[in-house]
Amino acid sequence: GDQAKLDGIIDQLQRQWKTKYNQDF
């Protein structure tokens, strides 16, 4: 699969997580 695509989605999710929950996933 396109690992770069998944990595991009995961990076965005991690930023959203940090913003919402004030901690790293």
mmCIF file of all heavy atoms, coordinates in Angstrom:
data_MODEL
# 
_entry.id   MODEL 
# 
loop_
_atom_site.group_PDB 
_atom_site.id 
_atom_site.type_symbol 
_atom_site.label_atom_id 
_atom_site.label_alt_id 
_atom_site.label_comp_id 
_atom_site.label_asym_id 
_atom_site.label_entity_id 
_atom_site.label_seq_id 
_atom_site.pdbx_PDB_ins_code 
_atom_site.Cartn_x 
_atom_site.Cartn_y 
_atom_site.Cartn_z 
_atom_site.occupancy 
_atom_site.B_iso_or_equiv 
_atom_site.pdbx_formal_charge 
_atom_site.auth_seq_id 
_atom_site.auth_comp_id 
_atom_site.auth_asym_id 
_atom_site.auth_atom_id 
_atom_site.pdbx_PDB_model_num 
ATOM 1   N N   . GLY A 1 1  ? 0.815   -1.203 0.000  1.00 0.00 ? 1  GLY A N   1 
ATOM 2   C CA  . GLY A 1 1  ? 0.000   0.000  0.000  1.00 0.00 ? 1  GLY A CA  1 
ATOM 3   C C   . GLY A 1 1  ? 0.854   1.261  0.000  1.00 0.00 ? 1  GLY A C   1 
ATOM 4   O O   . GLY A 1 1  ? 2.073   1.209  0.103  1.00 0.00 ? 1  GLY A O   1 
ATOM 5   N N   . ASP A 1 2  ? 0.192   2.376  -0.099 1.00 0.00 ? 2  ASP A N   1 
ATOM 6   C CA  . ASP A 1 2  ? 0.838   3.678  -0.116 1.00 0.00 ? 2  ASP A CA  1 
ATOM 7   C C   . ASP A 1 2  ? 1.108   4.104  1.332  1.00 0.00 ? 2  ASP A C   1 
ATOM 8   O O   . ASP A 1 2  ? 0.277   4.750  1.966  1.00 0.00 ? 2  ASP A O   1 
ATOM 9   C CB  . ASP A 1 2  ? -0.062  4.684  -0.842 1.00 0.00 ? 2  ASP A CB  1 
ATOM 10  C CG  . ASP A 1 2  ? 0.557   6.060  -0.974 1.00 0.00 ? 2  ASP A CG  1 
ATOM 11  O OD1 . ASP A 1 2  ? 1.630   6.310  -0.379 1.00 0.00 ? 2  ASP A OD1 1 
ATOM 12  O OD2 . ASP A 1 2  ? -0.042  6.892  -1.673 1.00 0.00 ? 2  ASP A OD2 1 
ATOM 13  N N   . GLN A 1 3  ? 2.284   3.726  1.845  1.00 0.00 ? 3  GLN A N   1 
ATOM 14  C CA  . GLN A 1 3  ? 2.624   4.019  3.233  1.00 0.00 ? 3  GLN A CA  1 
ATOM 15  C C   . GLN A 1 3  ? 2.664   5.515  3.500  1.00 0.00 ? 3  GLN A C   1 
ATOM 16  O O   . GLN A 1 3  ? 2.272   5.967  4.576  1.00 0.00 ? 3  GLN A O   1 
ATOM 17  C CB  . GLN A 1 3  ? 3.966   3.375  3.610  1.00 0.00 ? 3  GLN A CB  1 
ATOM 18  C CG  . GLN A 1 3  ? 4.291   3.474  5.079  1.00 0.00 ? 3  GLN A CG  1 
ATOM 19  C CD  . GLN A 1 3  ? 3.291   2.735  5.954  1.00 0.00 ? 3  GLN A CD  1 
ATOM 20  O OE1 . GLN A 1 3  ? 2.927   1.609  5.664  1.00 0.00 ? 3  GLN A OE1 1 
ATOM 21  N NE2 . GLN A 1 3  ? 2.846   3.370  7.023  1.00 0.00 ? 3  GLN A NE2 1 
ATOM 22  N N   . ALA A 1 4  ? 3.101   6.303  2.539  1.00 0.00 ? 4  ALA A N   1 
ATOM 23  C CA  . ALA A 1 4  ? 3.166   7.757  2.730  1.00 0.00 ? 4  ALA A CA  1 
ATOM 24  C C   . ALA A 1 4  ? 1.766   8.325  2.961  1.00 0.00 ? 4  ALA A C   1 
ATOM 25  O O   . ALA A 1 4  ? 1.594   9.243  3.768  1.00 0.00 ? 4  ALA A O   1 
ATOM 26  C CB  . ALA A 1 4  ? 3.825   8.417  1.522  1.00 0.00 ? 4  ALA A CB  1 
ATOM 27  N N   . LYS A 1 5  ? 0.771   7.784  2.273  1.00 0.00 ? 5  LYS A N   1 
ATOM 28  C CA  . LYS A 1 5  ? -0.611  8.238  2.467  1.00 0.00 ? 5  LYS A CA  1 
ATOM 29  C C   . LYS A 1 5  ? -1.066  7.960  3.895  1.00 0.00 ? 5  LYS A C   1 
ATOM 30  O O   . LYS A 1 5  ? -1.605  8.844  4.569  1.00 0.00 ? 5  LYS A O   1 
ATOM 31  C CB  . LYS A 1 5  ? -1.541  7.537  1.468  1.00 0.00 ? 5  LYS A CB  1 
ATOM 32  C CG  . LYS A 1 5  ? -3.000  7.858  1.660  1.00 0.00 ? 5  LYS A CG  1 
ATOM 33  C CD  . LYS A 1 5  ? -3.874  7.063  0.707  1.00 0.00 ? 5  LYS A CD  1 
ATOM 34  C CE  . LYS A 1 5  ? -5.341  7.267  1.036  1.00 0.00 ? 5  LYS A CE  1 
ATOM 35  N NZ  . LYS A 1 5  ? -6.208  6.420  0.226  1.00 0.00 ? 5  LYS A NZ  1 
ATOM 36  N N   . LEU A 1 6  ? -0.845  6.720  4.361  1.00 0.00 ? 6  LEU A N   1 
ATOM 37  C CA  . LEU A 1 6  ? -1.229  6.386  5.737  1.00 0.00 ? 6  LEU A CA  1 
ATOM 38  C C   . LEU A 1 6  ? -0.459  7.223  6.748  1.00 0.00 ? 6  LEU A C   1 
ATOM 39  O O   . LEU A 1 6  ? -1.028  7.707  7.730  1.00 0.00 ? 6  LEU A O   1 
ATOM 40  C CB  . LEU A 1 6  ? -0.999  4.904  6.018  1.00 0.00 ? 6  LEU A CB  1 
ATOM 41  C CG  . LEU A 1 6  ? -2.027  3.929  5.485  1.00 0.00 ? 6  LEU A CG  1 
ATOM 42  C CD1 . LEU A 1 6  ? -1.653  2.496  5.872  1.00 0.00 ? 6  LEU A CD1 1 
ATOM 43  C CD2 . LEU A 1 6  ? -3.421  4.250  5.952  1.00 0.00 ? 6  LEU A CD2 1 
ATOM 44  N N   . ASP A 1 7  ? 0.837   7.412  6.522  1.00 0.00 ? 7  ASP A N   1 
ATOM 45  C CA  . ASP A 1 7  ? 1.643   8.228  7.433  1.00 0.00 ? 7  ASP A CA  1 
ATOM 46  C C   . ASP A 1 7  ? 1.103   9.650  7.528  1.00 0.00 ? 7  ASP A C   1 
ATOM 47  O O   . ASP A 1 7  ? 1.069   10.238 8.612  1.00 0.00 ? 7  ASP A O   1 
ATOM 48  C CB  . ASP A 1 7  ? 3.110   8.261  6.980  1.00 0.00 ? 7  ASP A CB  1 
ATOM 49  C CG  . ASP A 1 7  ? 3.822   6.945  7.208  1.00 0.00 ? 7  ASP A CG  1 
ATOM 50  O OD1 . ASP A 1 7  ? 3.308   6.083  7.955  1.00 0.00 ? 7  ASP A OD1 1 
ATOM 51  O OD2 . ASP A 1 7  ? 4.916   6.766  6.619  1.00 0.00 ? 7  ASP A OD2 1 
ATOM 52  N N   . GLY A 1 8  ? 0.666   10.210 6.405  1.00 0.00 ? 8  GLY A N   1 
ATOM 53  C CA  . GLY A 1 8  ? 0.106   11.560 6.403  1.00 0.00 ? 8  GLY A CA  1 
ATOM 54  C C   . GLY A 1 8  ? -1.173  11.648 7.216  1.00 0.00 ? 8  GLY A C   1 
ATOM 55  O O   . GLY A 1 8  ? -1.376  12.605 7.978  1.00 0.00 ? 8  GLY A O   1 
ATOM 56  N N   . ILE A 1 9  ? -2.041  10.658 7.066  1.00 0.00 ? 9  ILE A N   1 
ATOM 57  C CA  . ILE A 1 9  ? -3.293  10.638 7.832  1.00 0.00 ? 9  ILE A CA  1 
ATOM 58  C C   . ILE A 1 9  ? -2.976  10.494 9.319  1.00 0.00 ? 9  ILE A C   1 
ATOM 59  O O   . ILE A 1 9  ? -3.550  11.192 10.163 1.00 0.00 ? 9  ILE A O   1 
ATOM 60  C CB  . ILE A 1 9  ? -4.213  9.502  7.349  1.00 0.00 ? 9  ILE A CB  1 
ATOM 61  C CG1 . ILE A 1 9  ? -4.623  9.721  5.891  1.00 0.00 ? 9  ILE A CG1 1 
ATOM 62  C CG2 . ILE A 1 9  ? -5.458  9.403  8.236  1.00 0.00 ? 9  ILE A CG2 1 
ATOM 63  C CD1 . ILE A 1 9  ? -5.291  8.510  5.248  1.00 0.00 ? 9  ILE A CD1 1 
ATOM 64  N N   . ILE A 1 10 ? -2.050  9.595  9.649  1.00 0.00 ? 10 ILE A N   1 
ATOM 65  C CA  . ILE A 1 10 ? -1.680  9.372  11.051 1.00 0.00 ? 10 ILE A CA  1 
ATOM 66  C C   . ILE A 1 10 ? -1.045  10.620 11.651 1.00 0.00 ? 10 ILE A C   1 
ATOM 67  O O   . ILE A 1 10 ? -1.356  10.994 12.789 1.00 0.00 ? 10 ILE A O   1 
ATOM 68  C CB  . ILE A 1 10 ? -0.757  8.147  11.175 1.00 0.00 ? 10 ILE A CB  1 
ATOM 69  C CG1 . ILE A 1 10 ? -1.536  6.869  10.847 1.00 0.00 ? 10 ILE A CG1 1 
ATOM 70  C CG2 . ILE A 1 10 ? -0.122  8.060  12.563 1.00 0.00 ? 10 ILE A CG2 1 
ATOM 71  C CD1 . ILE A 1 10 ? -0.674  5.636  10.637 1.00 0.00 ? 10 ILE A CD1 1 
ATOM 72  N N   . ASP A 1 11 ? -0.185  11.296 10.916 1.00 0.00 ? 11 ASP A N   1 
ATOM 73  C CA  . ASP A 1 11 ? 0.427   12.542 11.414 1.00 0.00 ? 11 ASP A CA  1 
ATOM 74  C C   . ASP A 1 11 ? -0.647  13.572 11.741 1.00 0.00 ? 11 ASP A C   1 
ATOM 75  O O   . ASP A 1 11 ? -0.581  14.239 12.777 1.00 0.00 ? 11 ASP A O   1 
ATOM 76  C CB  . ASP A 1 11 ? 1.407   13.118 10.391 1.00 0.00 ? 11 ASP A CB  1 
ATOM 77  C CG  . ASP A 1 11 ? 2.699   12.328 10.283 1.00 0.00 ? 11 ASP A CG  1 
ATOM 78  O OD1 . ASP A 1 11 ? 2.992   11.517 11.195 1.00 0.00 ? 11 ASP A OD1 1 
ATOM 79  O OD2 . ASP A 1 11 ? 3.421   12.517 9.277  1.00 0.00 ? 11 ASP A OD2 1 
ATOM 80  N N   . GLN A 1 12 ? -1.635  13.711 10.858 1.00 0.00 ? 12 GLN A N   1 
ATOM 81  C CA  . GLN A 1 12 ? -2.726  14.664 11.095 1.00 0.00 ? 12 GLN A CA  1 
ATOM 82  C C   . GLN A 1 12 ? -3.519  14.257 12.336 1.00 0.00 ? 12 GLN A C   1 
ATOM 83  O O   . GLN A 1 12 ? -3.855  15.100 13.167 1.00 0.00 ? 12 GLN A O   1 
ATOM 84  C CB  . GLN A 1 12 ? -3.649  14.760 9.876  1.00 0.00 ? 12 GLN A CB  1 
ATOM 85  C CG  . GLN A 1 12 ? -4.805  15.734 10.064 1.00 0.00 ? 12 GLN A CG  1 
ATOM 86  C CD  . GLN A 1 12 ? -4.365  17.157 10.307 1.00 0.00 ? 12 GLN A CD  1 
ATOM 87  O OE1 . GLN A 1 12 ? -3.423  17.632 9.688  1.00 0.00 ? 12 GLN A OE1 1 
ATOM 88  N NE2 . GLN A 1 12 ? -5.047  17.847 11.201 1.00 0.00 ? 12 GLN A NE2 1 
ATOM 89  N N   . LEU A 1 13 ? -3.824  12.973 12.461 1.00 0.00 ? 13 LEU A N   1 
ATOM 90  C CA  . LEU A 1 13 ? -4.550  12.494 13.638 1.00 0.00 ? 13 LEU A CA  1 
ATOM 91  C C   . LEU A 1 13 ? -3.769  12.780 14.921 1.00 0.00 ? 13 LEU A C   1 
ATOM 92  O O   . LEU A 1 13 ? -4.352  13.186 15.933 1.00 0.00 ? 13 LEU A O   1 
ATOM 93  C CB  . LEU A 1 13 ? -4.822  10.993 13.527 1.00 0.00 ? 13 LEU A CB  1 
ATOM 94  C CG  . LEU A 1 13 ? -5.977  10.567 12.628 1.00 0.00 ? 13 LEU A CG  1 
ATOM 95  C CD1 . LEU A 1 13 ? -5.919  9.067  12.365 1.00 0.00 ? 13 LEU A CD1 1 
ATOM 96  C CD2 . LEU A 1 13 ? -7.303  10.970 13.230 1.00 0.00 ? 13 LEU A CD2 1 
ATOM 97  N N   . GLN A 1 14 ? -2.458  12.580 14.890 1.00 0.00 ? 14 GLN A N   1 
ATOM 98  C CA  . GLN A 1 14 ? -1.640  12.847 16.081 1.00 0.00 ? 14 GLN A CA  1 
ATOM 99  C C   . GLN A 1 14 ? -1.665  14.328 16.452 1.00 0.00 ? 14 GLN A C   1 
ATOM 100 O O   . GLN A 1 14 ? -1.721  14.668 17.637 1.00 0.00 ? 14 GLN A O   1 
ATOM 101 C CB  . GLN A 1 14 ? -0.211  12.355 15.861 1.00 0.00 ? 14 GLN A CB  1 
ATOM 102 C CG  . GLN A 1 14 ? -0.124  10.846 15.875 1.00 0.00 ? 14 GLN A CG  1 
ATOM 103 C CD  . GLN A 1 14 ? 1.266   10.323 15.558 1.00 0.00 ? 14 GLN A CD  1 
ATOM 104 O OE1 . GLN A 1 14 ? 2.016   10.915 14.788 1.00 0.00 ? 14 GLN A OE1 1 
ATOM 105 N NE2 . GLN A 1 14 ? 1.599   9.184  16.145 1.00 0.00 ? 14 GLN A NE2 1 
ATOM 106 N N   . ARG A 1 15 ? -1.636  15.210 15.455 1.00 0.00 ? 15 ARG A N   1 
ATOM 107 C CA  . ARG A 1 15 ? -1.720  16.663 15.748 1.00 0.00 ? 15 ARG A CA  1 
ATOM 108 C C   . ARG A 1 15 ? -3.093  17.003 16.336 1.00 0.00 ? 15 ARG A C   1 
ATOM 109 O O   . ARG A 1 15 ? -3.184  17.773 17.303 1.00 0.00 ? 15 ARG A O   1 
ATOM 110 C CB  . ARG A 1 15 ? -1.453  17.474 14.483 1.00 0.00 ? 15 ARG A CB  1 
ATOM 111 C CG  . ARG A 1 15 ? 0.017   17.490 14.066 1.00 0.00 ? 15 ARG A CG  1 
ATOM 112 C CD  . ARG A 1 15 ? 0.316   18.507 12.972 1.00 0.00 ? 15 ARG A CD  1 
ATOM 113 N NE  . ARG A 1 15 ? -0.383  18.246 11.723 1.00 0.00 ? 15 ARG A NE  1 
ATOM 114 C CZ  . ARG A 1 15 ? 0.035   17.416 10.768 1.00 0.00 ? 15 ARG A CZ  1 
ATOM 115 N NH1 . ARG A 1 15 ? 1.154   16.751 10.932 1.00 0.00 ? 15 ARG A NH1 1 
ATOM 116 N NH2 . ARG A 1 15 ? -0.666  17.260 9.671  1.00 0.00 ? 15 ARG A NH2 1 
ATOM 117 N N   . GLN A 1 16 ? -4.149  16.440 15.757 1.00 0.00 ? 16 GLN A N   1 
ATOM 118 C CA  . GLN A 1 16 ? -5.488  16.691 16.270 1.00 0.00 ? 16 GLN A CA  1 
ATOM 119 C C   . GLN A 1 16 ? -5.617  16.174 17.703 1.00 0.00 ? 16 GLN A C   1 
ATOM 120 O O   . GLN A 1 16 ? -6.225  16.832 18.556 1.00 0.00 ? 16 GLN A O   1 
ATOM 121 C CB  . GLN A 1 16 ? -6.533  16.008 15.369 1.00 0.00 ? 16 GLN A CB  1 
ATOM 122 C CG  . GLN A 1 16 ? -6.697  16.652 14.005 1.00 0.00 ? 16 GLN A CG  1 
ATOM 123 C CD  . GLN A 1 16 ? -7.546  15.790 13.091 1.00 0.00 ? 16 GLN A CD  1 
ATOM 124 O OE1 . GLN A 1 16 ? -7.085  14.756 12.615 1.00 0.00 ? 16 GLN A OE1 1 
ATOM 125 N NE2 . GLN A 1 16 ? -8.773  16.219 12.863 1.00 0.00 ? 16 GLN A NE2 1 
ATOM 126 N N   . TRP A 1 17 ? -5.063  14.997 17.967 1.00 0.00 ? 17 TRP A N   1 
ATOM 127 C CA  . TRP A 1 17 ? -5.107  14.395 19.301 1.00 0.00 ? 17 TRP A CA  1 
ATOM 128 C C   . TRP A 1 17 ? -4.429  15.305 20.312 1.00 0.00 ? 17 TRP A C   1 
ATOM 129 O O   . TRP A 1 17 ? -4.975  15.572 21.382 1.00 0.00 ? 17 TRP A O   1 
ATOM 130 C CB  . TRP A 1 17 ? -4.418  13.031 19.250 1.00 0.00 ? 17 TRP A CB  1 
ATOM 131 C CG  . TRP A 1 17 ? -4.519  12.236 20.506 1.00 0.00 ? 17 TRP A CG  1 
ATOM 132 C CD1 . TRP A 1 17 ? -3.735  12.350 21.612 1.00 0.00 ? 17 TRP A CD1 1 
ATOM 133 C CD2 . TRP A 1 17 ? -5.473  11.218 20.785 1.00 0.00 ? 17 TRP A CD2 1 
ATOM 134 N NE1 . TRP A 1 17 ? -4.119  11.445 22.564 1.00 0.00 ? 17 TRP A NE1 1 
ATOM 135 C CE2 . TRP A 1 17 ? -5.193  10.736 22.073 1.00 0.00 ? 17 TRP A CE2 1 
ATOM 136 C CE3 . TRP A 1 17 ? -6.517  10.652 20.070 1.00 0.00 ? 17 TRP A CE3 1 
ATOM 137 C CZ2 . TRP A 1 17 ? -5.930  9.720  22.663 1.00 0.00 ? 17 TRP A CZ2 1 
ATOM 138 C CZ3 . TRP A 1 17 ? -7.245  9.635  20.657 1.00 0.00 ? 17 TRP A CZ3 1 
ATOM 139 C CH2 . TRP A 1 17 ? -6.965  9.181  21.937 1.00 0.00 ? 17 TRP A CH2 1 
ATOM 140 N N   . LYS A 1 18 ? -3.239  15.777 19.969 1.00 0.00 ? 18 LYS A N   1 
ATOM 141 C CA  . LYS A 1 18 ? -2.468  16.642 20.865 1.00 0.00 ? 18 LYS A CA  1 
ATOM 142 C C   . LYS A 1 18 ? -3.247  17.920 21.179 1.00 0.00 ? 18 LYS A C   1 
ATOM 143 O O   . LYS A 1 18 ? -3.282  18.376 22.326 1.00 0.00 ? 18 LYS A O   1 
ATOM 144 C CB  . LYS A 1 18 ? -1.111  16.974 20.212 1.00 0.00 ? 18 LYS A CB  1 
ATOM 145 C CG  . LYS A 1 18 ? -0.231  17.886 21.013 1.00 0.00 ? 18 LYS A CG  1 
ATOM 146 C CD  . LYS A 1 18 ? 0.514   17.134 22.067 1.00 0.00 ? 18 LYS A CD  1 
ATOM 147 C CE  . LYS A 1 18 ? 1.576   18.021 22.675 1.00 0.00 ? 18 LYS A CE  1 
ATOM 148 N NZ  . LYS A 1 18 ? 2.316   17.375 23.711 1.00 0.00 ? 18 LYS A NZ  1 
ATOM 149 N N   . THR A 1 19 ? -3.885  18.486 20.159 1.00 0.00 ? 19 THR A N   1 
ATOM 150 C CA  . THR A 1 19 ? -4.670  19.709 20.354 1.00 0.00 ? 19 THR A CA  1 
ATOM 151 C C   . THR A 1 19 ? -5.882  19.456 21.245 1.00 0.00 ? 19 THR A C   1 
ATOM 152 O O   . THR A 1 19 ? -6.151  20.212 22.174 1.00 0.00 ? 19 THR A O   1 
ATOM 153 C CB  . THR A 1 19 ? -5.126  20.275 18.991 1.00 0.00 ? 19 THR A CB  1 
ATOM 154 O OG1 . THR A 1 19 ? -3.962  20.584 18.223 1.00 0.00 ? 19 THR A OG1 1 
ATOM 155 C CG2 . THR A 1 19 ? -5.983  21.511 19.155 1.00 0.00 ? 19 THR A CG2 1 
ATOM 156 N N   . LYS A 1 20 ? -6.617  18.392 20.973 1.00 0.00 ? 20 LYS A N   1 
ATOM 157 C CA  . LYS A 1 20 ? -7.855  18.113 21.711 1.00 0.00 ? 20 LYS A CA  1 
ATOM 158 C C   . LYS A 1 20 ? -7.611  17.631 23.138 1.00 0.00 ? 20 LYS A C   1 
ATOM 159 O O   . LYS A 1 20 ? -8.283  18.054 24.066 1.00 0.00 ? 20 LYS A O   1 
ATOM 160 C CB  . LYS A 1 20 ? -8.712  17.099 20.962 1.00 0.00 ? 20 LYS A CB  1 
ATOM 161 C CG  . LYS A 1 20 ? -10.040 16.822 21.657 1.00 0.00 ? 20 LYS A CG  1 
ATOM 162 C CD  . LYS A 1 20 ? -11.014 16.128 20.756 1.00 0.00 ? 20 LYS A CD  1 
ATOM 163 C CE  . LYS A 1 20 ? -12.338 15.883 21.436 1.00 0.00 ? 20 LYS A CE  1 
ATOM 164 N NZ  . LYS A 1 20 ? -13.296 16.930 21.253 1.00 0.00 ? 20 LYS A NZ  1 
ATOM 165 N N   . TYR A 1 21 ? -6.645  16.713 23.311 1.00 0.00 ? 21 TYR A N   1 
ATOM 166 C CA  . TYR A 1 21 ? -6.452  16.087 24.618 1.00 0.00 ? 21 TYR A CA  1 
ATOM 167 C C   . TYR A 1 21 ? -5.212  16.576 25.363 1.00 0.00 ? 21 TYR A C   1 
ATOM 168 O O   . TYR A 1 21 ? -4.921  16.104 26.466 1.00 0.00 ? 21 TYR A O   1 
ATOM 169 C CB  . TYR A 1 21 ? -6.414  14.561 24.462 1.00 0.00 ? 21 TYR A CB  1 
ATOM 170 C CG  . TYR A 1 21 ? -7.695  14.020 23.858 1.00 0.00 ? 21 TYR A CG  1 
ATOM 171 C CD1 . TYR A 1 21 ? -7.694  13.484 22.575 1.00 0.00 ? 21 TYR A CD1 1 
ATOM 172 C CD2 . TYR A 1 21 ? -8.904  14.095 24.538 1.00 0.00 ? 21 TYR A CD2 1 
ATOM 173 C CE1 . TYR A 1 21 ? -8.860  13.001 22.002 1.00 0.00 ? 21 TYR A CE1 1 
ATOM 174 C CE2 . TYR A 1 21 ? -10.076 13.628 23.983 1.00 0.00 ? 21 TYR A CE2 1 
ATOM 175 C CZ  . TYR A 1 21 ? -10.050 13.087 22.708 1.00 0.00 ? 21 TYR A CZ  1 
ATOM 176 O OH  . TYR A 1 21 ? -11.201 12.626 22.148 1.00 0.00 ? 21 TYR A OH  1 
ATOM 177 N N   . ASN A 1 22 ? -4.474  17.506 24.762 1.00 0.00 ? 22 ASN A N   1 
ATOM 178 C CA  . ASN A 1 22 ? -3.298  18.104 25.385 1.00 0.00 ? 22 ASN A CA  1 
ATOM 179 C C   . ASN A 1 22 ? -2.266  17.057 25.822 1.00 0.00 ? 22 ASN A C   1 
ATOM 180 O O   . ASN A 1 22 ? -1.640  17.183 26.873 1.00 0.00 ? 22 ASN A O   1 
ATOM 181 C CB  . ASN A 1 22 ? -3.708  18.985 26.572 1.00 0.00 ? 22 ASN A CB  1 
ATOM 182 C CG  . ASN A 1 22 ? -2.630  19.985 26.918 1.00 0.00 ? 22 ASN A CG  1 
ATOM 183 O OD1 . ASN A 1 22 ? -1.869  20.413 26.062 1.00 0.00 ? 22 ASN A OD1 1 
ATOM 184 N ND2 . ASN A 1 22 ? -2.553  20.346 28.190 1.00 0.00 ? 22 ASN A ND2 1 
ATOM 185 N N   . GLN A 1 23 ? -2.139  16.007 25.009 1.00 0.00 ? 23 GLN A N   1 
ATOM 186 C CA  . GLN A 1 23 ? -1.124  14.983 25.252 1.00 0.00 ? 23 GLN A CA  1 
ATOM 187 C C   . GLN A 1 23 ? -0.898  14.207 23.961 1.00 0.00 ? 23 GLN A C   1 
ATOM 188 O O   . GLN A 1 23 ? -1.734  14.216 23.067 1.00 0.00 ? 23 GLN A O   1 
ATOM 189 C CB  . GLN A 1 23 ? -1.545  14.028 26.369 1.00 0.00 ? 23 GLN A CB  1 
ATOM 190 C CG  . GLN A 1 23 ? -2.824  13.257 26.093 1.00 0.00 ? 23 GLN A CG  1 
ATOM 191 C CD  . GLN A 1 23 ? -3.200  12.358 27.255 1.00 0.00 ? 23 GLN A CD  1 
ATOM 192 O OE1 . GLN A 1 23 ? -2.819  11.191 27.261 1.00 0.00 ? 23 GLN A OE1 1 
ATOM 193 N NE2 . GLN A 1 23 ? -3.932  12.893 28.217 1.00 0.00 ? 23 GLN A NE2 1 
ATOM 194 N N   . ASP A 1 24 ? 0.266   13.562 23.895 1.00 0.00 ? 24 ASP A N   1 
ATOM 195 C CA  . ASP A 1 24 ? 0.563   12.728 22.744 1.00 0.00 ? 24 ASP A CA  1 
ATOM 196 C C   . ASP A 1 24 ? -0.283  11.462 22.793 1.00 0.00 ? 24 ASP A C   1 
ATOM 197 O O   . ASP A 1 24 ? -0.650  10.992 23.872 1.00 0.00 ? 24 ASP A O   1 
ATOM 198 C CB  . ASP A 1 24 ? 2.047   12.328 22.723 1.00 0.00 ? 24 ASP A CB  1 
ATOM 199 C CG  . ASP A 1 24 ? 2.958   13.510 22.449 1.00 0.00 ? 24 ASP A CG  1 
ATOM 200 O OD1 . ASP A 1 24 ? 2.537   14.439 21.730 1.00 0.00 ? 24 ASP A OD1 1 
ATOM 201 O OD2 . ASP A 1 24 ? 4.093   13.502 22.964 1.00 0.00 ? 24 ASP A OD2 1 
ATOM 202 N N   . PHE A 1 25 ? -0.559  10.907 21.616 1.00 0.00 ? 25 PHE A N   1 
ATOM 203 C CA  . PHE A 1 25 ? -1.238  9.619  21.533 1.00 0.00 ? 25 PHE A CA  1 
ATOM 204 C C   . PHE A 1 25 ? -0.230  8.553  21.911 1.00 0.00 ? 25 PHE A C   1 
ATOM 205 O O   . PHE A 1 25 ? 0.755   8.336  21.223 1.00 0.00 ? 25 PHE A O   1 
ATOM 206 C CB  . PHE A 1 25 ? -1.758  9.374  20.110 1.00 0.00 ? 25 PHE A CB  1 
ATOM 207 C CG  . PHE A 1 25 ? -2.514  8.084  19.976 1.00 0.00 ? 25 PHE A CG  1 
ATOM 208 C CD1 . PHE A 1 25 ? -3.888  8.064  20.145 1.00 0.00 ? 25 PHE A CD1 1 
ATOM 209 C CD2 . PHE A 1 25 ? -1.866  6.901  19.688 1.00 0.00 ? 25 PHE A CD2 1 
ATOM 210 C CE1 . PHE A 1 25 ? -4.602  6.878  20.029 1.00 0.00 ? 25 PHE A CE1 1 
ATOM 211 C CE2 . PHE A 1 25 ? -2.562  5.707  19.573 1.00 0.00 ? 25 PHE A CE2 1 
ATOM 212 C CZ  . PHE A 1 25 ? -3.931  5.689  19.740 1.00 0.00 ? 25 PHE A CZ  1 
# 
